[in-house]
PDB file of N, CA and C in Angstrom:
ATOM      1  N   MET A   1      90.651  74.210 119.648  1.00  0.00           N
ATOM      2  CA  MET A   1      90.577  75.121 118.874  1.00  0.00           C
ATOM      3  C   MET A   1      90.775  74.197 117.340  1.00  0.00           C
ATOM      4  N   GLY A   2      90.225  74.358 116.265  1.00  0.00           N
ATOM      5  CA  GLY A   2      90.215  73.609 115.467  1.00  0.00           C
ATOM      6  C   GLY A   2      90.909  74.015 113.776  1.00  0.00           C
ATOM      7  N   LYS A   3      91.416  73.519 112.966  1.00  0.00           N
ATOM      8  CA  LYS A   3      92.315  73.667 112.299  1.00  0.00           C
ATOM      9  C   LYS A   3      91.567  75.154 111.458  1.00  0.00           C
ATOM     10  N   ILE A   4      92.144  75.341 110.421  1.00  0.00           N
ATOM     11  CA  ILE A   4      91.500  76.492 109.912  1.00  0.00           C
ATOM     12  C   ILE A   4      91.443  75.529 108.890  1.00  0.00           C
ATOM     13  N   SER A   5      91.207  75.387 107.694  1.00  0.00           N
ATOM     14  CA  SER A   5      90.748  75.777 106.015  1.00  0.00           C
ATOM     15  C   SER A   5      91.443  76.018 105.634  1.00  0.00           C
ATOM     16  N   THR A   6      92.619  76.214 104.566  1.00  0.00           N
ATOM     17  CA  THR A   6      93.602  77.047 103.654  1.00  0.00           C
ATOM     18  C   THR A   6      93.061  77.323 102.907  1.00  0.00           C
ATOM     19  N   ASP A   7      91.224  76.568 102.452  1.00  0.00           N
ATOM     20  CA  ASP A   7      91.428  76.631 100.399  1.00  0.00           C
ATOM     21  C   ASP A   7      89.988  78.181 100.428  1.00  0.00           C
ATOM     22  N   LYS A   8      89.880  78.439 102.405  1.00  0.00           N
ATOM     23  CA  LYS A   8      89.034  79.478 102.322  1.00  0.00           C
ATOM     24  C   LYS A   8      89.902  81.680 102.073  1.00  0.00           C
ATOM     25  N   TYR A   9      91.027  81.026 101.943  1.00  0.00           N
ATOM     26  CA  TYR A   9      92.327  81.569 102.373  1.00  0.00           C
ATOM     27  C   TYR A   9      93.457  81.403 100.625  1.00  0.00           C
ATOM     28  N   ILE A  10      92.814  82.877 100.712  1.00  0.00           N
ATOM     29  CA  ILE A  10      94.068  83.418  98.855  1.00  0.00           C
ATOM     30  C   ILE A  10      95.058  84.293  99.465  1.00  0.00           C
ATOM     31  N   PHE A  11      96.078  84.000  98.010  1.00  0.00           N
ATOM     32  CA  PHE A  11      97.234  85.343  98.637  1.00  0.00           C
ATOM     33  C   PHE A  11      97.077  85.368  97.147  1.00  0.00           C
ATOM     34  N   LEU A  12      97.114  86.645  96.453  1.00  0.00           N
ATOM     35  CA  LEU A  12      97.029  86.353  95.334  1.00  0.00           C
ATOM     36  C   LEU A  12      98.863  86.756  94.934  1.00  0.00           C
ATOM     37  N   THR A  13      98.825  85.441  93.979  1.00  0.00           N
ATOM     38  CA  THR A  13     100.801  86.196  93.397  1.00  0.00           C
ATOM     39  C   THR A  13     100.433  87.815  92.182  1.00  0.00           C
ATOM     40  N   PRO A  14     101.751  88.435  92.177  1.00  0.00           N
ATOM     41  CA  PRO A  14     101.368  88.595  90.586  1.00  0.00           C
ATOM     42  C   PRO A  14     101.053  87.967  89.625  1.00  0.00           C
ATOM     43  N   ARG A  15     101.063  86.908  88.920  1.00  0.00           N
ATOM     44  CA  ARG A  15     100.873  86.041  88.313  1.00  0.00           C
ATOM     45  C   ARG A  15      99.566  86.108  87.972  1.00  0.00           C
ATOM     46  N   ALA A  16      98.562  85.453  88.957  1.00  0.00           N
ATOM     47  CA  ALA A  16      97.452  85.964  89.548  1.00  0.00           C
ATOM     48  C   ALA A  16      96.807  86.960  89.009  1.00  0.00           C
ATOM     49  N   TYR A  17      97.410  88.465  89.270  1.00  0.00           N
ATOM     50  CA  TYR A  17      96.607  89.552  88.825  1.00  0.00           C
ATOM     51  C   TYR A  17      97.540  89.416  87.330  1.00  0.00           C
ATOM     52  N   ILE A  18      98.337  89.174  86.290  1.00  0.00           N
ATOM     53  CA  ILE A  18      98.563  89.653  85.307  1.00  0.00           C
ATOM     54  C   ILE A  18      97.352  88.242  84.168  1.00  0.00           C
ATOM     55  N   ILE A  19      97.776  87.697  84.901  1.00  0.00           N
ATOM     56  CA  ILE A  19      96.783  86.247  84.303  1.00  0.00           C
ATOM     57  C   ILE A  19      94.481  86.987  84.129  1.00  0.00           C
ATOM     58  N   VAL A  20      94.534  87.825  85.162  1.00  0.00           N
ATOM     59  CA  VAL A  20      93.053  88.001  85.192  1.00  0.00           C
ATOM     60  C   VAL A  20      92.824  89.427  85.272  1.00  0.00           C
ATOM     61  N   HIS A  21      93.849  89.249  84.515  1.00  0.00           N
ATOM     62  CA  HIS A  21      93.784  91.529  83.693  1.00  0.00           C
ATOM     63  C   HIS A  21      94.031  91.278  81.924  1.00  0.00           C
ATOM     64  N   LEU A  22      94.562  90.164  82.208  1.00  0.00           N
ATOM     65  CA  LEU A  22      94.851  89.886  80.011  1.00  0.00           C
ATOM     66  C   LEU A  22      93.535  89.158  80.162  1.00  0.00           C
ATOM     67  N   LEU A  23      92.654  88.543  80.545  1.00  0.00           N
ATOM     68  CA  LEU A  23      91.462  88.079  81.059  1.00  0.00           C
ATOM     69  C   LEU A  23      90.595  88.618  80.426  1.00  0.00           C
ATOM     70  N   LYS A  24      90.389  89.979  81.405  1.00  0.00           N
ATOM     71  CA  LYS A  24      89.861  90.920  81.065  1.00  0.00           C
ATOM     72  C   LYS A  24      89.772  92.361  80.298  1.00  0.00           C
ATOM     73  N   VAL A  25      91.129  92.019  79.464  1.00  0.00           N
ATOM     74  CA  VAL A  25      91.944  93.622  78.374  1.00  0.00           C
ATOM     75  C   VAL A  25      91.568  92.740  77.406  1.00  0.00           C
ATOM     76  N   GLY A  26      91.850  90.948  77.576  1.00  0.00           N
ATOM     77  CA  GLY A  26      92.387  90.679  76.039  1.00  0.00           C
ATOM     78  C   GLY A  26      93.755  90.304  75.831  1.00  0.00           C
ATOM     79  N   LYS A  27      94.418  92.062  75.761  1.00  0.00           N
ATOM     80  CA  LYS A  27      95.960  91.911  75.701  1.00  0.00           C
ATOM     81  C   LYS A  27      96.281  92.703  75.680  1.00  0.00           C
ATOM     82  N   ALA A  28      97.278  93.021  76.011  1.00  0.00           N
ATOM     83  CA  ALA A  28      98.423  93.932  76.825  1.00  0.00           C
ATOM     84  C   ALA A  28      99.717  94.124  76.437  1.00  0.00           C
ATOM     85  N   LYS A  29     100.668  95.308  76.420  1.00  0.00           N
ATOM     86  CA  LYS A  29     101.709  94.824  76.775  1.00  0.00           C
ATOM     87  C   LYS A  29     102.004  95.152  78.032  1.00  0.00           C
ATOM     88  N   ALA A  30     103.608  94.656  77.770  1.00  0.00           N
ATOM     89  CA  ALA A  30     104.232  94.467  79.783  1.00  0.00           C
ATOM     90  C   ALA A  30     103.482  95.712  80.995  1.00  0.00           C
ATOM     91  N   SER A  31     104.034  97.048  80.154  1.00  0.00           N
ATOM     92  CA  SER A  31     104.082  98.803  80.721  1.00  0.00           C
ATOM     93  C   SER A  31     102.902  98.681  81.104  1.00  0.00           C
ATOM     94  N   GLU A  32     101.855  98.651  80.147  1.00  0.00           N
ATOM     95  CA  GLU A  32     100.122  98.496  79.981  1.00  0.00           C
ATOM     96  C   GLU A  32     100.166  97.602  81.929  1.00  0.00           C
ATOM     97  N   ILE A  33     100.205  95.890  81.291  1.00  0.00           N
ATOM     98  CA  ILE A  33     100.333  95.600  82.756  1.00  0.00           C
ATOM     99  C   ILE A  33     100.389  95.656  83.683  1.00  0.00           C
ATOM    100  N   SER A  34     101.851  96.151  83.636  1.00  0.00           N
ATOM    101  CA  SER A  34     102.634  97.337  85.046  1.00  0.00           C
ATOM    102  C   SER A  34     101.644  98.389  85.862  1.00  0.00           C
ATOM    103  N   GLU A  35     101.026  99.259  84.912  1.00  0.00           N
ATOM    104  CA  GLU A  35     100.930  99.631  85.341  1.00  0.00           C
ATOM    105  C   GLU A  35      99.165  99.932  85.674  1.00  0.00           C
ATOM    106  N   ASN A  36      98.840  98.896  84.989  1.00  0.00           N
ATOM    107  CA  ASN A  36      96.867  98.516  84.925  1.00  0.00           C
ATOM    108  C   ASN A  36      97.117  97.308  86.726  1.00  0.00           C
ATOM    109  N   THR A  37      98.008  96.820  86.569  1.00  0.00           N
ATOM    110  CA  THR A  37      97.695  96.169  88.134  1.00  0.00           C
ATOM    111  C   THR A  37      98.895  96.727  89.516  1.00  0.00           C
ATOM    112  N   GLN A  38      98.702  97.906  88.855  1.00  0.00           N
ATOM    113  CA  GLN A  38     100.747  98.056  89.958  1.00  0.00           C
ATOM    114  C   GLN A  38     101.291  97.778  90.353  1.00  0.00           C
ATOM    115  N   ILE A  39     101.450  96.640  89.296  1.00  0.00           N
ATOM    116  CA  ILE A  39     102.685  95.827  90.011  1.00  0.00           C
ATOM    117  C   ILE A  39     104.008  96.028  89.307  1.00  0.00           C
ATOM    118  N   PRO A  40     105.943  96.421  90.184  1.00  0.00           N
ATOM    119  CA  PRO A  40     106.496  96.464  89.256  1.00  0.00           C
ATOM    120  C   PRO A  40     106.630  95.877  88.052  1.00  0.00           C
ATOM    121  N   TYR A  41     107.299  96.877  87.181  1.00  0.00           N
ATOM    122  CA  TYR A  41     106.977  96.336  85.732  1.00  0.00           C
ATOM    123  C   TYR A  41     108.545  95.521  85.802  1.00  0.00           C
ATOM    124  N   GLN A  42     109.654  95.070  86.767  1.00  0.00           N
ATOM    125  CA  GLN A  42     110.528  93.906  86.894  1.00  0.00           C
ATOM    126  C   GLN A  42     109.474  92.844  87.453  1.00  0.00           C
ATOM    127  N   THR A  43     109.289  93.162  88.074  1.00  0.00           N
ATOM    128  CA  THR A  43     108.357  91.889  88.192  1.00  0.00           C
ATOM    129  C   THR A  43     107.104  91.731  87.326  1.00  0.00           C
ATOM    130  N   VAL A  44     106.790  92.186  86.406  1.00  0.00           N
ATOM    131  CA  VAL A  44     106.090  91.526  85.657  1.00  0.00           C
ATOM    132  C   VAL A  44     106.512  91.241  84.000  1.00  0.00           C
ATOM    133  N   ILE A  45     107.426  91.371  84.278  1.00  0.00           N
ATOM    134  CA  ILE A  45     108.096  90.669  83.172  1.00  0.00           C
ATOM    135  C   ILE A  45     108.883  89.718  83.664  1.00  0.00           C
ATOM    136  N   GLN A  46     109.880  89.549  85.004  1.00  0.00           N
ATOM    137  CA  GLN A  46     109.838  88.243  85.263  1.00  0.00           C
ATOM    138  C   GLN A  46     108.533  87.530  84.936  1.00  0.00           C
ATOM    139  N   ASN A  47     107.067  87.456  85.500  1.00  0.00           N
ATOM    140  CA  ASN A  47     106.499  86.760  85.799  1.00  0.00           C
ATOM    141  C   ASN A  47     105.955  85.966  83.818  1.00  0.00           C
ATOM    142  N   ILE A  48     106.112  87.356  83.207  1.00  0.00           N
ATOM    143  CA  ILE A  48     105.973  86.711  81.813  1.00  0.00           C
ATOM    144  C   ILE A  48     106.848  85.889  81.297  1.00  0.00           C
ATOM    145  N   ILE A  49     107.518  86.024  81.841  1.00  0.00           N
ATOM    146  CA  ILE A  49     109.132  84.769  81.923  1.00  0.00           C
ATOM    147  C   ILE A  49     108.322  83.833  81.498  1.00  0.00           C
ATOM    148  N   TRP A  50     108.152  83.135  82.336  1.00  0.00           N
ATOM    149  CA  TRP A  50     107.195  82.188  83.150  1.00  0.00           C
ATOM    150  C   TRP A  50     106.522  81.560  82.940  1.00  0.00           C
ATOM    151  N   LEU A  51     105.409  82.358  82.435  1.00  0.00           N
ATOM    152  CA  LEU A  51     104.234  82.089  81.535  1.00  0.00           C
ATOM    153  C   LEU A  51     104.095  81.900  80.105  1.00  0.00           C
ATOM    154  N   LEU A  52     104.786  82.845  80.137  1.00  0.00           N
ATOM    155  CA  LEU A  52     105.423  81.912  77.851  1.00  0.00           C
ATOM    156  C   LEU A  52     105.940  80.914  78.203  1.00  0.00           C
ATOM    157  N   ALA A  53     106.518  80.964  79.149  1.00  0.00           N
ATOM    158  CA  ALA A  53     107.493  78.917  79.364  1.00  0.00           C
ATOM    159  C   ALA A  53     106.535  77.745  79.615  1.00  0.00           C
ATOM    160  N   GLU A  54     105.520  78.696  80.291  1.00  0.00           N
ATOM    161  CA  GLU A  54     105.027  77.500  81.121  1.00  0.00           C
ATOM    162  C   GLU A  54     103.326  77.133  79.577  1.00  0.00           C
ATOM    163  N   GLY A  55     103.020  78.309  79.115  1.00  0.00           N
ATOM    164  CA  GLY A  55     102.317  77.727  77.944  1.00  0.00           C
ATOM    165  C   GLY A  55     100.882  78.462  78.579  1.00  0.00           C
ATOM    166  N   TYR A  56     100.770  79.451  78.797  1.00  0.00           N
ATOM    167  CA  TYR A  56      99.856  80.380  79.849  1.00  0.00           C
ATOM    168  C   TYR A  56      99.233  81.092  78.476  1.00  0.00           C
ATOM    169  N   ILE A  57     100.492  82.461  78.188  1.00  0.00           N
ATOM    170  CA  ILE A  57     100.358  82.912  77.103  1.00  0.00           C
ATOM    171  C   ILE A  57     101.222  83.182  76.580  1.00  0.00           C
ATOM    172  N   VAL A  58     101.034  83.782  75.508  1.00  0.00           N
ATOM    173  CA  VAL A  58     101.466  84.434  73.388  1.00  0.00           C
ATOM    174  C   VAL A  58     101.651  85.227  74.046  1.00  0.00           C
ATOM    175  N   LYS A  59     102.775  86.121  73.560  1.00  0.00           N
ATOM    176  CA  LYS A  59     103.132  86.597  73.040  1.00  0.00           C
ATOM    177  C   LYS A  59     103.437  87.602  70.674  1.00  0.00           C
ATOM    178  N   GLU A  60     102.593  88.490  70.998  1.00  0.00           N
ATOM    179  CA  GLU A  60     102.241  89.195  69.944  1.00  0.00           C
ATOM    180  C   GLU A  60     102.965  90.435  69.290  1.00  0.00           C
ATOM    181  N   GLN A  61     103.778  89.879  68.261  1.00  0.00           N
ATOM    182  CA  GLN A  61     104.721  91.027  67.701  1.00  0.00           C
ATOM    183  C   GLN A  61     104.030  92.735  66.956  1.00  0.00           C
ATOM    184  N   LYS A  62     103.555  93.719  66.956  1.00  0.00           N
ATOM    185  CA  LYS A  62     103.556  94.498  65.435  1.00  0.00           C
ATOM    186  C   LYS A  62     104.224  95.389  65.602  1.00  0.00           C
ATOM    187  N   GLY A  63     105.102  95.681  64.617  1.00  0.00           N
ATOM    188  CA  GLY A  63     105.968  96.229  64.917  1.00  0.00           C
ATOM    189  C   GLY A  63     106.947  96.537  65.607  1.00  0.00           C
ATOM    190  N   GLU A  64     107.498  97.673  66.180  1.00  0.00           N
ATOM    191  CA  GLU A  64     107.752  97.291  68.119  1.00  0.00           C
ATOM    192  C   GLU A  64     106.956  97.062  69.291  1.00  0.00           C
ATOM    193  N   GLU A  65     106.265  96.870  69.130  1.00  0.00           N
ATOM    194  CA  GLU A  65     105.803  96.401  70.486  1.00  0.00           C
ATOM    195  C   GLU A  65     105.716  95.391  70.531  1.00  0.00           C
ATOM    196  N   ILE A  66     105.653  94.763  71.516  1.00  0.00           N
ATOM    197  CA  ILE A  66     105.032  93.979  72.336  1.00  0.00           C
ATOM    198  C   ILE A  66     104.160  93.344  73.430  1.00  0.00           C
ATOM    199  N   TYR A  67     103.298  92.015  72.788  1.00  0.00           N
ATOM    200  CA  TYR A  67     101.619  91.981  72.763  1.00  0.00           C
ATOM    201  C   TYR A  67     101.457  90.650  73.656  1.00  0.00           C
ATOM    202  N   TYR A  68     100.771  91.110  74.808  1.00  0.00           N
ATOM    203  CA  TYR A  68     100.652  89.277  75.718  1.00  0.00           C
ATOM    204  C   TYR A  68      99.432  88.927  75.502  1.00  0.00           C
ATOM    205  N   LYS A  69      99.243  87.590  75.509  1.00  0.00           N
ATOM    206  CA  LYS A  69      97.612  87.512  75.674  1.00  0.00           C
ATOM    207  C   LYS A  69      97.300  85.976  75.957  1.00  0.00           C
ATOM    208  N   LEU A  70      95.917  85.680  75.809  1.00  0.00           N
ATOM    209  CA  LEU A  70      96.184  84.112  77.628  1.00  0.00           C
ATOM    210  C   LEU A  70      95.664  83.064  75.901  1.00  0.00           C
ATOM    211  N   THR A  71      95.925  82.265  76.257  1.00  0.00           N
ATOM    212  CA  THR A  71      96.521  80.714  75.395  1.00  0.00           C
ATOM    213  C   THR A  71      95.285  80.005  76.581  1.00  0.00           C
ATOM    214  N   ASP A  72      94.099  78.989  75.922  1.00  0.00           N
ATOM    215  CA  ASP A  72      93.229  78.241  76.158  1.00  0.00           C
ATOM    216  C   ASP A  72      93.645  78.053  77.256  1.00  0.00           C
ATOM    217  N   LYS A  73      95.204  77.760  77.481  1.00  0.00           N
ATOM    218  CA  LYS A  73      95.246  77.367  79.294  1.00  0.00           C
ATOM    219  C   LYS A  73      95.684  78.059  79.976  1.00  0.00           C
ATOM    220  N   GLY A  74      96.399  79.523  78.947  1.00  0.00           N
ATOM    221  CA  GLY A  74      95.825  79.975  80.043  1.00  0.00           C
ATOM    222  C   GLY A  74      94.543  80.897  80.825  1.00  0.00           C
ATOM    223  N   LYS A  75      94.147  81.036  79.666  1.00  0.00           N
ATOM    224  CA  LYS A  75      92.255  81.042  80.090  1.00  0.00           C
ATOM    225  C   LYS A  75      91.279  80.629  81.126  1.00  0.00           C
ATOM    226  N   GLN A  76      92.449  79.041  80.615  1.00  0.00           N
ATOM    227  CA  GLN A  76      91.771  77.907  82.093  1.00  0.00           C
ATOM    228  C   GLN A  76      92.037  78.316  83.623  1.00  0.00           C
ATOM    229  N   LEU A  77      93.222  79.010  83.241  1.00  0.00           N
ATOM    230  CA  LEU A  77      94.447  79.420  85.071  1.00  0.00           C
ATOM    231  C   LEU A  77      93.252  80.572  85.088  1.00  0.00           C
ATOM    232  N   ALA A  78      93.214  81.826  84.588  1.00  0.00           N
ATOM    233  CA  ALA A  78      92.116  82.521  85.250  1.00  0.00           C
ATOM    234  C   ALA A  78      91.097  82.510  85.397  1.00  0.00           C
ATOM    235  N   THR A  79      90.467  81.601  84.687  1.00  0.00           N
ATOM    236  CA  THR A  79      88.900  80.910  85.135  1.00  0.00           C
ATOM    237  C   THR A  79      89.057  80.737  86.375  1.00  0.00           C
ATOM    238  N   ALA A  80      90.275  79.236  86.905  1.00  0.00           N
ATOM    239  CA  ALA A  80      90.673  79.261  88.466  1.00  0.00           C
ATOM    240  C   ALA A  80      90.304  80.061  89.130  1.00  0.00           C
ATOM    241  N   GLU A  81      91.522  80.760  88.995  1.00  0.00           N
ATOM    242  CA  GLU A  81      92.011  82.960  89.977  1.00  0.00           C
ATOM    243  C   GLU A  81      90.064  82.783  90.265  1.00  0.00           C
ATOM    244  N   LEU A  82      89.845  83.505  89.083  1.00  0.00           N
ATOM    245  CA  LEU A  82      87.988  83.821  89.505  1.00  0.00           C
ATOM    246  C   LEU A  82      87.616  83.429  90.541  1.00  0.00           C
ATOM    247  N   GLU A  83      87.766  82.475  90.393  1.00  0.00           N
ATOM    248  CA  GLU A  83      86.211  81.361  91.144  1.00  0.00           C
ATOM    249  C   GLU A  83      86.836  81.403  93.059  1.00  0.00           C
ATOM    250  N   LYS A  84      88.287  81.497  92.578  1.00  0.00           N
ATOM    251  CA  LYS A  84      89.855  81.485  94.197  1.00  0.00           C
ATOM    252  C   LYS A  84      89.108  82.648  94.332  1.00  0.00           C
ATOM    253  N   ILE A  85      88.967  83.905  93.884  1.00  0.00           N
ATOM    254  CA  ILE A  85      89.027  85.505  94.552  1.00  0.00           C
ATOM    255  C   ILE A  85      87.424  85.174  94.599  1.00  0.00           C
ATOM    256  N   ARG A  86      85.806  85.007  94.122  1.00  0.00           N
ATOM    257  CA  ARG A  86      84.555  84.500  94.552  1.00  0.00           C
ATOM    258  C   ARG A  86      84.272  84.210  96.300  1.00  0.00           C
ATOM    259  N   LYS A  87      85.188  83.068  95.632  1.00  0.00           N
ATOM    260  CA  LYS A  87      84.886  81.586  97.548  1.00  0.00           C
ATOM    261  C   LYS A  87      85.910  83.032  98.539  1.00  0.00           C
ATOM    262  N   LEU A  88      86.632  83.304  98.307  1.00  0.00           N
ATOM    263  CA  LEU A  88      87.475  84.138  99.328  1.00  0.00           C
ATOM    264  C   LEU A  88      86.536  85.624  99.726  1.00  0.00           C
ATOM    265  N   VAL A  89      85.304  86.184  98.302  1.00  0.00           N
ATOM    266  CA  VAL A  89      84.706  86.904  99.088  1.00  0.00           C
ATOM    267  C   VAL A  89      83.654  86.626  99.658  1.00  0.00           C
ATOM    268  N   GLU A  90      82.803  85.886  98.788  1.00  0.00           N
ATOM    269  CA  GLU A  90      81.994  84.916 100.325  1.00  0.00           C
ATOM    270  C   GLU A  90      82.478  84.971 101.526  1.00  0.00           C
ATOM    271  N   VAL A  91      83.164  84.295 101.989  1.00  0.00           N
ATOM    272  CA  VAL A  91      83.753  84.100 102.940  1.00  0.00           C
ATOM    273  C   VAL A  91      83.455  85.384 103.770  1.00  0.00           C
ATOM    274  N   VAL A  92      84.651  86.568 103.499  1.00  0.00           N
ATOM    275  CA  VAL A  92      84.374  87.593 104.258  1.00  0.00           C
ATOM    276  C   VAL A  92      82.801  88.593 104.669  1.00  0.00           C
ATOM    277  N   GLN A  93      82.431  87.625 103.327  1.00  0.00           N
ATOM    278  CA  GLN A  93      80.332  88.473 103.538  1.00  0.00           C
ATOM    279  C   GLN A  93      79.836  88.122 104.513  1.00  0.00           C
TER     280      GLN A  93
END
């Protein structure tokens, strides 16, 4: 039996869903991200903290509302995640 190439298999993390969602919508509140990705709110918040610390997203405050959007570094990561998804789709077709 041959080895299975793991580059053909991806498991999307909450972070991947968040950054791909932000790439799609431009900017969003944590509650909107949670609702649209169906990731629990607390999980979204935990991942936002990490994404902010790593420089993948920035926050914009408008009044009491806080929005998150991708940095250029985050856009590169989102593009890489989308490429993984495309490869997965090719494998299963």
